[in-house]
Amino acid sequence: MPRKELTDEQFALIEPLLPPERPKKAGRPYLSHRLVLEGILWIQRTGAPWRDLPERYGKWSTAHERFRRWRREGLFQKILNALEARPAPMAITIARGP
């Protein structure tokens, strides 16, 4: 896993907030929410145009459409609110000598 992608632990915090995955059926293959979310985060990190999304994240139009739908539904604000509501990790301070 590239270092900038979500860890399993990080994704586990977000996954319950995502809409249900579409059931598998005949037709065009469905890209998982995790893969599409990774693509959306790549676009946000790099500032690249949607059409420059690397192929490993699927078609740019799929990621863009899901981004637009999730933004319209307020999903990103829900994720932010949930992450902000979590207690901050305990900081460990190391005392220096006198």
Protein backbone atom coordinates (compact mmCIF):
# COMPACT_ATOMS: atom_id res chain seq x y z
CA MET A 1 0.00 0.00 0.00
CA PRO A 2 1.45 3.40 -0.93
CA ARG A 3 2.11 5.50 2.17
CA LYS A 4 -0.43 8.16 1.28
CA GLU A 5 -3.36 5.74 1.04
CA LEU A 6 -5.74 5.01 3.89
CA THR A 7 -4.73 2.28 6.28
CA ASP A 8 -7.27 -0.41 7.14
CA GLU A 9 -7.68 1.24 10.55
CA GLN A 10 -8.39 4.65 9.00
CA PHE A 11 -10.83 3.21 6.50
CA ALA A 12 -12.63 1.33 9.30
CA LEU A 13 -13.47 4.71 10.87
CA ILE A 14 -14.99 6.01 7.63
CA GLU A 15 -16.61 2.88 6.23
CA PRO A 16 -19.76 2.92 8.44
CA LEU A 17 -20.54 6.43 7.16
CA LEU A 18 -20.42 5.43 3.49
CA PRO A 19 -23.60 4.38 1.69
CA PRO A 20 -24.11 0.63 1.22
CA GLU A 21 -22.12 -0.92 -1.60
CA ARG A 22 -24.17 -1.72 -4.67
CA PRO A 23 -24.91 -5.44 -4.93
CA LYS A 24 -23.04 -7.29 -7.67
CA LYS A 25 -25.11 -7.76 -10.76
CA ALA A 26 -24.65 -8.24 -14.47
CA GLY A 27 -23.29 -5.36 -16.46
CA ARG A 28 -20.52 -2.91 -15.85
CA PRO A 29 -18.23 -3.86 -12.94
CA TYR A 30 -18.77 -1.81 -9.80
CA LEU A 31 -15.81 -0.10 -8.13
CA SER A 32 -15.65 -0.36 -4.35
CA HIS A 33 -16.19 2.75 -2.27
CA ARG A 34 -12.69 2.36 -0.83
CA LEU A 35 -11.02 2.42 -4.24
CA VAL A 36 -13.08 5.41 -5.37
CA LEU A 37 -12.46 7.25 -2.09
CA GLU A 38 -8.72 6.68 -2.52
CA GLY A 39 -9.01 8.23 -5.99
CA ILE A 40 -10.93 11.22 -4.64
CA LEU A 41 -8.31 11.73 -1.93
CA TRP A 42 -5.55 11.49 -4.56
CA ILE A 43 -7.21 14.27 -6.56
CA GLN A 44 -7.57 16.42 -3.42
CA ARG A 45 -3.93 15.84 -2.40
CA THR A 46 -2.42 16.54 -5.81
CA GLY A 47 -4.77 19.17 -7.19
CA ALA A 48 -4.68 17.34 -10.53
CA PRO A 49 -7.61 17.50 -12.95
CA TRP A 50 -10.06 14.59 -12.71
CA ARG A 51 -9.02 13.30 -16.12
CA ASP A 52 -5.47 12.75 -14.77
CA LEU A 53 -6.63 10.30 -12.10
CA PRO A 54 -4.33 7.24 -12.26
CA GLU A 55 -5.96 4.13 -13.75
CA ARG A 56 -5.43 2.16 -10.52
CA TYR A 57 -8.38 4.13 -9.04
CA GLY A 58 -10.74 3.27 -11.89
CA LYS A 59 -12.26 5.58 -14.45
CA TRP A 60 -12.00 9.26 -13.61
CA SER A 61 -15.66 9.77 -14.49
CA THR A 62 -16.74 7.18 -11.91
CA ALA A 63 -14.70 8.85 -9.17
CA HIS A 64 -15.92 12.29 -10.20
CA GLU A 65 -19.57 11.24 -10.27
CA ARG A 66 -19.35 9.59 -6.86
CA PHE A 67 -17.54 12.65 -5.48
CA ARG A 68 -20.33 14.90 -6.77
CA ARG A 69 -23.06 12.62 -5.37
CA TRP A 70 -21.39 12.26 -1.97
CA ARG A 71 -20.75 16.00 -1.76
CA ARG A 72 -24.38 16.73 -2.62
CA GLU A 73 -25.49 14.27 0.09
CA GLY A 74 -23.22 15.91 2.68
CA LEU A 75 -21.15 12.76 3.16
CA PHE A 76 -17.81 14.54 3.46
CA GLN A 77 -19.17 16.85 6.16
CA LYS A 78 -20.51 13.80 8.04
CA ILE A 79 -17.09 12.15 7.84
CA LEU A 80 -15.38 15.32 9.07
CA ASN A 81 -17.86 15.71 11.94
CA ALA A 82 -17.40 12.08 13.00
CA LEU A 83 -13.61 12.36 12.93
CA GLU A 84 -13.65 15.64 14.87
CA ALA A 85 -15.91 14.09 17.54
CA ARG A 86 -13.38 11.35 18.27
CA PRO A 87 -11.15 11.93 21.28
CA ALA A 88 -7.67 13.03 20.34
CA PRO A 89 -4.95 10.44 20.78
CA MET A 90 -3.15 10.82 24.06
CA ALA A 91 0.08 12.71 23.65
CA ILE A 92 3.16 11.38 25.32
CA THR A 93 5.54 13.98 26.59
CA ILE A 94 9.12 13.26 27.44
CA ALA A 95 10.51 15.45 30.16
CA ARG A 96 13.94 16.86 29.57
CA GLY A 97 16.48 17.06 32.31
CA PRO A 98 16.67 20.08 34.65
